[in-house]
Amino acid sequence: TMRLQAPQFQALFTPGLRSVAELFEKKNCELRIAGGAVRDLLSGVTPQDIDFATTATPAEMKEMFTAAGVRLINNKGEKHGTITARLHEQNFEITTLRIDVVTDGRHAEVEFTTDWHKDAERRDLTVNSMFLGLDGTLYDFFNGYEDLKNKKIRFVGKATERIQEDYLRILRYFRFYGRIAEKPGDHEPNTLQAIKENAKGLAGISGERIWVELKKILLGNHVNHLIQLMYELDIAQYIGLPLDGNLEEFARVTKNIQNLSPKPMTVLTSLFKGKDDVTNLDLRLKISKEEKNLGLFLVKHRQELTKASGPEPLRPYQDFLMDSREANTNSKIFELLKYQGEEQLLKEMQEWTVPSFPVSGHDLRKMGVSSGKEIGTALQQLRDEWKKSGYHMDKEELLSCLKKL
C-alpha cells in the first residue's frame, strides 16, 4: 500500500482536524478524506475544499459532536448523510458511506453502509473514487492512482451505468479530461460510445447545473477538441449550443485567447453566428445578465470594432468607450480584444485611464454663452474637437477653439 507524506497533506492537520480525528478515534469510527481532495493531494495540489467520509451514521455523528459541545451547521445535507461540524473556525463536511438505491438520472436515494468499496463504486470517475486515511494510507479500489499518473480519465466500472445514474457525468467527464489529460483525443472508444448513446439524457438536467460544468470546460485545456467532440457525439443540442455552431471560428478564437484568461462567455461566443444563439443559450442555461450582455456585445462588435491601421491602433476602442453610455463597457472591450487575440493592445488598453472632459457648462457661461441650448451645442462641438485630438486638448486649447467656432 502507498502512504502519502506530502507537505500539502501535512498542512491539512489544523487544530480543527486534529480535534475531529480524536473524536472519531474515541468512538472507533473510521474517518477518511474522499474524492477530489485525494486526487488533488496525489497531484501535489493543495485542495480547495475537503470532503470526509466515515462509517459512522449521521445520527451517531450528531450524538458524538453534540456530546463534545461541537456546533453543527445547517442540516440540509442530512438526508444524504452529510453532517457539517464547525471547530476552530473551520467547517468539516463529513458524509456517511452510502449506496445509491434508486437513481433517475438526476437524483439518487441512498442507504448507508460501512463498506468503503461499495461507496467508491457509486462515484463517477476513477480519479475521484479514492480515499485517504488520516495516516496517509491510500485506499484505491479502481486504479484511480494509476489513471491519475497516466493522465487517463475513465468512469468507475461501466460507463453506461455511471452515466445513467446522473447524466451530468457526461460533462464531468469532459471537464476532468480538460484538467488532467495530456493530449486531445485520448479517449476509450467504449466511453465515447456510451456518451453518444446517452447524450439525450442531458435534456433532463437543469440549465444551472450544466452551465457550472460548461464554464469549467471552456476555461480548461483541450477546449477546442472537447467542444468539437460534443458536436460529434450529439451533445451540443441538449445543452443549449447552436446546431450549426461555427467550429472554424471556435478553433481560431481558442488559439487567440490561450494565455489571456478570458471569461467563459468570451470563448463560447465564437461558436455563435448571431444574437439568436445567445438568446437560445440563455433560455436553456439561464446565464447571468452580465454573461448574456457580453455575448450580445461580442456578436455585434467582433467584426467592425477592430484596430485602426496607422500609428494609433487603439483609437477605435478608445472612441467606442468614450462614446458609450453603458456601464462595464471597458471590461467588454477587454474581452473583445482577447477574442481578437490582440494581446499587446489589451495590455495598453488596460493601462489606459479614461480621460475626463476638461470643459464644463460653467466655463462657457463665464465666456458669455448664456442659453442652455447654446451651451449644449457648444459642449458637443468641443467634445468632438477633443475626441479628434485623441483626448489631448486641455481646457485652454478647447476654449480658444470655441472662439474660432
Protein backbone atom coordinates (compact mmCIF):
# COMPACT_ATOMS: atom_id res chain seq x y z
CA THR A 1 0.00 0.00 0.00
CA MET A 2 1.04 3.55 -0.62
CA ARG A 3 1.41 6.17 2.11
CA LEU A 4 1.28 9.83 1.32
CA GLN A 5 3.64 12.12 3.25
CA ALA A 6 3.45 15.23 1.03
CA PRO A 7 3.71 18.69 2.63
CA GLN A 8 0.25 19.56 1.20
CA PHE A 9 -1.11 16.61 3.20
CA GLN A 10 0.73 17.53 6.42
CA ALA A 11 -0.63 21.08 6.10
CA LEU A 12 -4.22 19.83 6.45
CA PHE A 13 -3.72 18.93 10.09
CA THR A 14 -5.09 22.10 11.65
CA PRO A 15 -6.22 22.17 15.30
CA GLY A 16 -9.76 21.64 13.96
CA LEU A 17 -8.92 18.48 12.03
CA ARG A 18 -6.92 17.09 14.95
CA SER A 19 -9.93 17.52 17.26
CA VAL A 20 -12.27 15.90 14.73
CA ALA A 21 -9.90 12.96 14.25
CA GLU A 22 -9.70 12.46 18.01
CA LEU A 23 -13.49 12.31 18.38
CA PHE A 24 -13.81 9.67 15.67
CA GLU A 25 -10.94 7.66 17.09
CA LYS A 26 -12.53 7.60 20.55
CA LYS A 27 -15.73 6.24 19.02
CA ASN A 28 -13.82 3.69 16.90
CA CYS A 29 -15.33 5.13 13.72
CA GLU A 30 -13.21 5.38 10.61
CA LEU A 31 -12.70 8.77 9.03
CA ARG A 32 -11.02 9.30 5.66
CA ILE A 33 -10.55 12.10 3.13
CA ALA A 34 -12.62 11.38 0.00
CA GLY A 35 -12.98 12.25 -3.67
CA GLY A 36 -11.49 15.33 -5.30
CA ALA A 37 -9.27 16.29 -2.36
CA VAL A 38 -7.46 12.94 -2.62
CA ARG A 39 -6.94 13.50 -6.35
CA ASP A 40 -5.51 16.96 -5.67
CA LEU A 41 -3.17 15.77 -2.92
CA LEU A 42 -1.84 12.98 -5.12
CA SER A 43 -1.21 15.57 -7.86
CA GLY A 44 0.72 17.76 -5.41
CA VAL A 45 -2.01 20.40 -5.33
CA THR A 46 -3.47 21.90 -2.15
CA PRO A 47 -7.19 21.03 -2.22
CA GLN A 48 -9.69 23.92 -2.12
CA ASP A 49 -12.20 22.08 0.00
CA ILE A 50 -12.03 18.71 1.64
CA ASP A 51 -14.79 16.15 1.92
CA PHE A 52 -14.58 13.46 4.55
CA ALA A 53 -16.25 10.06 4.52
CA THR A 54 -16.98 7.87 7.53
CA THR A 55 -18.52 4.60 8.66
CA ALA A 56 -20.46 6.49 11.36
CA THR A 57 -24.14 7.19 10.63
CA PRO A 58 -25.47 10.77 10.70
CA ALA A 59 -27.23 10.03 13.99
CA GLU A 60 -24.01 8.72 15.56
CA MET A 61 -22.10 11.77 14.33
CA LYS A 62 -24.72 14.16 15.70
CA GLU A 63 -24.63 12.47 19.06
CA MET A 64 -20.83 12.45 19.13
CA PHE A 65 -20.49 16.13 18.19
CA THR A 66 -23.29 17.30 20.46
CA ALA A 67 -21.83 15.43 23.44
CA ALA A 68 -18.49 17.16 22.76
CA GLY A 69 -20.20 20.56 22.56
CA VAL A 70 -19.35 20.99 18.87
CA ARG A 71 -21.54 23.31 16.82
CA LEU A 72 -23.39 21.76 13.85
CA ILE A 73 -24.13 23.90 10.79
CA ASN A 74 -27.34 23.68 8.70
CA ASN A 75 -28.85 20.22 8.33
CA LYS A 76 -29.66 20.39 4.63
CA GLY A 77 -27.30 17.54 3.73
CA GLU A 78 -28.52 15.24 6.42
CA LYS A 79 -30.86 13.10 4.34
CA HIS A 80 -27.93 12.35 2.02
CA GLY A 81 -25.88 11.50 5.09
CA THR A 82 -23.82 14.69 5.38
CA ILE A 83 -23.13 16.43 8.69
CA THR A 84 -21.25 19.72 8.86
CA ALA A 85 -19.41 20.46 12.09
CA ARG A 86 -17.62 23.69 12.97
CA LEU A 87 -14.44 23.53 15.05
CA HIS A 88 -11.70 26.13 15.47
CA GLU A 89 -13.20 28.47 12.84
CA GLN A 90 -13.29 25.71 10.25
CA ASN A 91 -16.15 23.70 8.74
CA PHE A 92 -15.86 19.94 8.34
CA GLU A 93 -18.24 18.25 5.94
CA ILE A 94 -18.46 14.57 6.76
CA THR A 95 -20.61 12.10 4.85
CA THR A 96 -21.62 8.59 5.82
CA LEU A 97 -20.63 5.87 3.33
CA ARG A 98 -23.61 5.11 1.15
CA ILE A 99 -25.05 3.09 -1.69
CA ASP A 100 -27.36 4.59 -4.31
CA VAL A 101 -30.54 2.55 -4.20
CA VAL A 102 -32.66 4.24 -6.86
CA THR A 103 -31.43 6.80 -9.38
CA ASP A 104 -33.45 8.67 -12.00
CA GLY A 105 -30.58 10.22 -13.89
CA ARG A 106 -30.63 13.31 -11.68
CA HIS A 107 -31.01 12.39 -8.01
CA ALA A 108 -30.33 9.28 -6.00
CA GLU A 109 -31.98 7.76 -2.95
CA VAL A 110 -29.30 6.41 -0.67
CA GLU A 111 -28.85 3.89 2.08
CA PHE A 112 -25.93 3.91 4.48
CA THR A 113 -23.19 1.30 4.51
CA THR A 114 -19.87 0.62 6.23
CA ASP A 115 -18.34 -0.82 3.05
CA TRP A 116 -15.74 1.55 1.54
CA HIS A 117 -15.60 -0.39 -1.71
CA LYS A 118 -19.36 0.00 -2.22
CA ASP A 119 -19.15 3.74 -1.66
CA ALA A 120 -16.27 4.09 -4.13
CA GLU A 121 -18.25 2.11 -6.68
CA ARG A 122 -21.00 4.73 -6.98
CA ARG A 123 -18.58 7.61 -7.64
CA ASP A 124 -18.19 8.95 -11.18
CA LEU A 125 -14.56 8.70 -12.32
CA THR A 126 -11.71 6.51 -11.11
CA VAL A 127 -9.57 9.57 -10.26
CA ASN A 128 -12.38 10.79 -7.97
CA SER A 129 -13.07 7.45 -6.27
CA MET A 130 -10.12 7.18 -3.89
CA PHE A 131 -9.91 7.61 -0.10
CA LEU A 132 -7.02 8.72 2.04
CA GLY A 133 -6.65 7.64 5.67
CA LEU A 134 -5.50 10.30 8.11
CA ASP A 135 -2.25 8.33 8.46
CA GLY A 136 -1.65 8.86 4.72
CA THR A 137 -2.73 5.39 3.56
CA LEU A 138 -4.31 5.39 0.10
CA TYR A 139 -7.42 3.26 -0.47
CA ASP A 140 -7.91 2.86 -4.19
CA PHE A 141 -10.35 0.22 -5.42
CA PHE A 142 -10.47 1.16 -9.12
CA ASN A 143 -6.88 2.02 -10.09
CA GLY A 144 -7.55 5.72 -9.75
CA TYR A 145 -3.94 6.44 -8.82
CA GLU A 146 -2.64 4.59 -11.89
CA ASP A 147 -5.07 6.54 -14.08
CA LEU A 148 -4.03 9.82 -12.47
CA LYS A 149 -0.34 9.09 -13.09
CA ASN A 150 -1.09 8.09 -16.69
CA LYS A 151 -3.45 11.06 -17.09
CA LYS A 152 -6.35 8.80 -18.08
CA ILE A 153 -9.98 9.73 -17.45
CA ARG A 154 -12.24 6.73 -17.01
CA PHE A 155 -15.59 6.02 -15.43
CA VAL A 156 -15.74 3.72 -12.42
CA GLY A 157 -16.99 0.34 -13.65
CA LYS A 158 -19.30 0.51 -16.66
CA ALA A 159 -19.55 3.94 -18.29
CA THR A 160 -23.19 3.42 -19.28
CA GLU A 161 -24.28 2.64 -15.71
CA ARG A 162 -22.42 5.61 -14.21
CA ILE A 163 -23.86 7.99 -16.82
CA GLN A 164 -27.42 6.76 -16.37
CA GLU A 165 -27.20 7.42 -12.62
CA ASP A 166 -26.62 11.11 -13.38
CA TYR A 167 -26.39 12.37 -16.96
CA LEU A 168 -24.41 15.41 -15.83
CA ARG A 169 -21.47 12.99 -15.50
CA ILE A 170 -21.05 13.25 -19.27
CA LEU A 171 -19.97 16.86 -18.79
CA ARG A 172 -17.90 16.00 -15.74
CA TYR A 173 -16.01 13.54 -17.92
CA PHE A 174 -15.17 16.37 -20.34
CA ARG A 175 -14.25 18.75 -17.54
CA PHE A 176 -11.79 16.36 -15.91
CA TYR A 177 -10.43 15.41 -19.30
CA GLY A 178 -9.61 19.09 -19.82
CA ARG A 179 -7.97 19.22 -16.42
CA ILE A 180 -5.94 16.04 -16.36
CA ALA A 181 -5.44 14.51 -19.82
CA GLU A 182 -2.18 15.38 -21.51
CA LYS A 183 -3.29 15.48 -25.12
CA PRO A 184 -6.56 15.69 -27.05
CA GLY A 185 -8.11 12.54 -28.48
CA ASP A 186 -7.02 10.08 -25.80
CA HIS A 187 -10.41 8.53 -25.06
CA GLU A 188 -11.54 4.92 -24.75
CA PRO A 189 -13.85 4.16 -27.69
CA ASN A 190 -16.43 2.43 -25.48
CA THR A 191 -16.59 5.52 -23.22
CA LEU A 192 -17.36 7.75 -26.21
CA GLN A 193 -19.93 5.23 -27.41
CA ALA A 194 -21.65 5.25 -24.00
CA ILE A 195 -21.68 9.06 -24.01
CA LYS A 196 -23.18 9.20 -27.51
CA GLU A 197 -25.91 6.70 -26.67
CA ASN A 198 -26.87 8.62 -23.54
CA ALA A 199 -26.41 12.22 -24.72
CA LYS A 200 -30.15 12.75 -24.82
CA GLY A 201 -30.31 12.29 -21.04
CA LEU A 202 -28.74 15.74 -20.70
CA ALA A 203 -32.04 17.23 -21.89
CA GLY A 204 -33.46 16.47 -18.43
CA ILE A 205 -30.66 18.14 -16.47
CA SER A 206 -31.21 21.69 -15.19
CA GLY A 207 -29.55 24.51 -17.11
CA GLU A 208 -27.85 25.84 -13.98
CA ARG A 209 -26.02 22.55 -13.34
CA ILE A 210 -24.96 22.30 -16.99
CA TRP A 211 -23.66 25.88 -17.07
CA VAL A 212 -21.45 25.30 -13.99
CA GLU A 213 -19.73 22.38 -15.78
CA LEU A 214 -19.62 24.01 -19.20
CA LYS A 215 -17.89 27.13 -17.85
CA LYS A 216 -15.15 24.99 -16.35
CA ILE A 217 -14.72 23.10 -19.62
CA LEU A 218 -14.42 26.40 -21.51
CA LEU A 219 -11.56 27.53 -19.28
CA GLY A 220 -9.74 24.17 -19.20
CA ASN A 221 -7.26 22.57 -21.60
CA HIS A 222 -8.18 20.93 -24.92
CA VAL A 223 -11.33 23.05 -25.12
CA ASN A 224 -11.37 23.11 -28.91
CA HIS A 225 -11.11 19.31 -29.05
CA LEU A 226 -13.79 18.85 -26.37
CA ILE A 227 -16.37 21.15 -27.96
CA GLN A 228 -15.79 19.53 -31.38
CA LEU A 229 -16.35 16.20 -29.66
CA MET A 230 -19.63 17.45 -28.15
CA TYR A 231 -20.85 18.08 -31.67
CA GLU A 232 -19.66 14.68 -32.92
CA LEU A 233 -21.37 12.89 -30.03
CA ASP A 234 -24.67 14.80 -30.43
CA ILE A 235 -24.43 16.52 -27.07
CA ALA A 236 -24.44 20.15 -28.22
CA GLN A 237 -28.16 20.41 -28.99
CA TYR A 238 -29.16 19.23 -25.48
CA ILE A 239 -27.10 21.81 -23.63
CA GLY A 240 -28.17 24.97 -25.45
CA LEU A 241 -25.43 25.16 -28.09
CA PRO A 242 -26.41 26.09 -31.66
CA LEU A 243 -26.94 23.14 -34.02
CA ASP A 244 -24.71 24.73 -36.65
CA GLY A 245 -22.05 26.14 -34.33
CA ASN A 246 -19.19 27.89 -36.08
CA LEU A 247 -16.44 25.40 -35.27
CA GLU A 248 -13.83 27.09 -37.51
CA GLU A 249 -14.23 30.38 -35.66
CA PHE A 250 -14.17 28.49 -32.36
CA ALA A 251 -10.86 26.84 -33.28
CA ARG A 252 -9.39 30.19 -34.26
CA VAL A 253 -10.52 32.05 -31.14
CA THR A 254 -9.48 29.30 -28.70
CA LYS A 255 -5.96 29.70 -30.12
CA ASN A 256 -6.15 33.50 -29.76
CA ILE A 257 -7.04 33.50 -26.10
CA GLN A 258 -4.82 30.76 -24.75
CA ASN A 259 -2.89 32.94 -22.29
CA LEU A 260 -5.32 35.81 -21.88
CA SER A 261 -7.66 34.49 -19.13
CA PRO A 262 -10.91 35.15 -20.99
CA LYS A 263 -14.34 34.83 -19.44
CA PRO A 264 -16.13 31.57 -20.34
CA MET A 265 -18.71 33.53 -22.36
CA THR A 266 -15.95 35.10 -24.50
CA VAL A 267 -14.74 31.66 -25.54
CA LEU A 268 -18.25 30.34 -26.14
CA THR A 269 -19.44 33.29 -28.22
CA SER A 270 -17.07 32.30 -31.02
CA LEU A 271 -19.44 29.37 -31.75
CA PHE A 272 -22.33 31.77 -32.29
CA LYS A 273 -23.35 33.20 -35.64
CA GLY A 274 -25.80 35.77 -34.33
CA LYS A 275 -27.70 37.12 -31.37
CA ASP A 276 -30.38 34.39 -31.51
CA ASP A 277 -27.72 31.91 -30.48
CA VAL A 278 -27.08 33.95 -27.32
CA THR A 279 -30.81 34.11 -26.58
CA ASN A 280 -31.23 30.36 -27.02
CA LEU A 281 -28.27 29.66 -24.77
CA ASP A 282 -29.82 31.88 -22.12
CA LEU A 283 -33.21 30.12 -22.40
CA ARG A 284 -31.58 26.75 -21.84
CA LEU A 285 -28.90 27.59 -19.27
CA LYS A 286 -30.23 30.72 -17.53
CA ILE A 287 -26.92 32.52 -17.78
CA SER A 288 -26.43 35.75 -15.83
CA LYS A 289 -27.46 39.10 -17.25
CA GLU A 290 -23.82 40.14 -17.43
CA GLU A 291 -22.88 36.99 -19.37
CA LYS A 292 -25.75 37.49 -21.78
CA ASN A 293 -24.81 41.13 -22.39
CA LEU A 294 -21.21 40.19 -23.03
CA GLY A 295 -22.29 37.56 -25.57
CA LEU A 296 -24.53 40.07 -27.37
CA PHE A 297 -21.78 42.70 -27.34
CA LEU A 298 -19.20 40.36 -28.88
CA VAL A 299 -21.57 39.06 -31.55
CA LYS A 300 -22.42 42.61 -32.52
CA HIS A 301 -18.97 44.23 -32.50
CA ARG A 302 -16.39 41.49 -33.15
CA GLN A 303 -16.13 42.31 -36.86
CA GLU A 304 -16.47 46.10 -37.09
CA LEU A 305 -14.73 47.20 -33.92
CA THR A 306 -11.13 46.40 -34.86
CA LYS A 307 -7.79 48.15 -34.56
CA ALA A 308 -7.00 51.14 -36.74
CA SER A 309 -4.19 50.91 -39.23
CA GLY A 310 -1.59 53.58 -38.63
CA PRO A 311 0.09 54.96 -35.54
CA GLU A 312 -2.93 54.75 -33.19
CA PRO A 313 -4.32 51.21 -33.37
CA LEU A 314 -6.24 51.64 -30.10
CA ARG A 315 -8.23 54.67 -31.19
CA PRO A 316 -11.40 52.84 -32.36
CA TYR A 317 -11.66 51.08 -28.98
CA GLN A 318 -10.99 54.26 -27.04
CA ASP A 319 -13.54 56.21 -29.07
CA PHE A 320 -16.11 53.48 -28.58
CA LEU A 321 -15.53 53.58 -24.84
CA MET A 322 -15.74 57.39 -24.69
CA ASP A 323 -18.98 57.43 -26.67
CA SER A 324 -20.56 54.63 -24.69
CA ARG A 325 -23.25 55.45 -22.18
CA GLU A 326 -23.29 51.97 -20.62
CA ALA A 327 -21.61 50.61 -17.52
CA ASN A 328 -18.81 47.97 -17.83
CA THR A 329 -18.06 48.90 -21.41
CA ASN A 330 -14.34 48.76 -20.71
CA SER A 331 -14.47 45.19 -19.39
CA LYS A 332 -16.45 44.19 -22.50
CA ILE A 333 -13.78 45.79 -24.70
CA PHE A 334 -11.07 43.87 -22.84
CA GLU A 335 -12.94 40.65 -23.65
CA LEU A 336 -13.30 41.72 -27.30
CA LEU A 337 -9.52 42.28 -27.53
CA LYS A 338 -8.93 38.81 -26.05
CA TYR A 339 -11.38 37.33 -28.55
CA GLN A 340 -9.43 39.03 -31.34
CA GLY A 341 -6.13 37.80 -29.91
CA GLU A 342 -4.78 41.34 -29.54
CA GLU A 343 -2.51 40.70 -26.57
CA GLN A 344 -0.41 43.86 -26.88
CA LEU A 345 -3.41 46.17 -27.40
CA LEU A 346 -5.14 44.53 -24.44
CA LYS A 347 -2.21 45.45 -22.19
CA GLU A 348 -2.24 49.03 -23.45
CA MET A 349 -6.00 49.33 -23.11
CA GLN A 350 -5.87 48.01 -19.54
CA GLU A 351 -3.25 50.64 -18.68
CA TRP A 352 -5.14 53.49 -20.36
CA THR A 353 -7.09 55.68 -17.97
CA VAL A 354 -10.23 57.24 -19.33
CA PRO A 355 -9.57 60.99 -19.51
CA SER A 356 -12.24 63.34 -18.26
CA PHE A 357 -13.56 66.10 -20.49
CA PRO A 358 -11.94 69.31 -19.23
CA VAL A 359 -14.67 71.85 -20.08
CA SER A 360 -17.96 72.39 -18.20
CA GLY A 361 -21.07 74.48 -18.80
CA HIS A 362 -19.81 76.76 -16.06
CA ASP A 363 -16.72 77.62 -18.16
CA LEU A 364 -18.93 78.55 -21.10
CA ARG A 365 -21.16 80.80 -19.01
CA LYS A 366 -18.05 82.67 -17.86
CA MET A 367 -17.31 83.23 -21.53
CA GLY A 368 -20.74 84.73 -22.05
CA VAL A 369 -22.65 81.80 -23.60
CA SER A 370 -25.91 82.09 -21.74
CA SER A 371 -28.73 80.00 -23.21
CA GLY A 372 -28.91 76.35 -22.16
CA LYS A 373 -29.44 75.24 -25.73
CA GLU A 374 -26.32 77.06 -26.94
CA ILE A 375 -24.25 75.62 -24.08
CA GLY A 376 -25.37 72.10 -25.04
CA THR A 377 -24.43 72.61 -28.68
CA ALA A 378 -21.10 74.21 -27.85
CA LEU A 379 -20.16 71.42 -25.42
CA GLN A 380 -20.93 68.82 -28.05
CA GLN A 381 -18.78 70.61 -30.65
CA LEU A 382 -15.91 70.87 -28.18
CA ARG A 383 -16.24 67.18 -27.29
CA ASP A 384 -15.90 66.36 -30.99
CA GLU A 385 -12.75 68.52 -31.28
CA TRP A 386 -11.37 66.93 -28.09
CA LYS A 387 -12.03 63.45 -29.49
CA LYS A 388 -10.31 64.35 -32.79
CA SER A 389 -7.25 65.40 -30.81
CA GLY A 390 -7.07 61.94 -29.25
CA TYR A 391 -8.38 63.45 -25.95
CA HIS A 392 -5.19 65.50 -25.60
CA MET A 393 -6.51 69.11 -25.82
CA ASP A 394 -6.70 70.84 -22.47
CA LYS A 395 -9.19 73.40 -21.23
CA GLU A 396 -7.31 76.42 -22.62
CA GLU A 397 -6.94 74.94 -26.11
CA LEU A 398 -10.59 73.93 -26.20
CA LEU A 399 -11.86 77.32 -25.09
CA SER A 400 -9.72 79.12 -27.67
CA CYS A 401 -11.18 76.68 -30.18
CA LEU A 402 -14.64 77.85 -29.13
CA LYS A 403 -13.74 81.43 -30.09
CA LYS A 404 -12.91 80.21 -33.59
CA LEU A 405 -16.16 78.29 -33.79
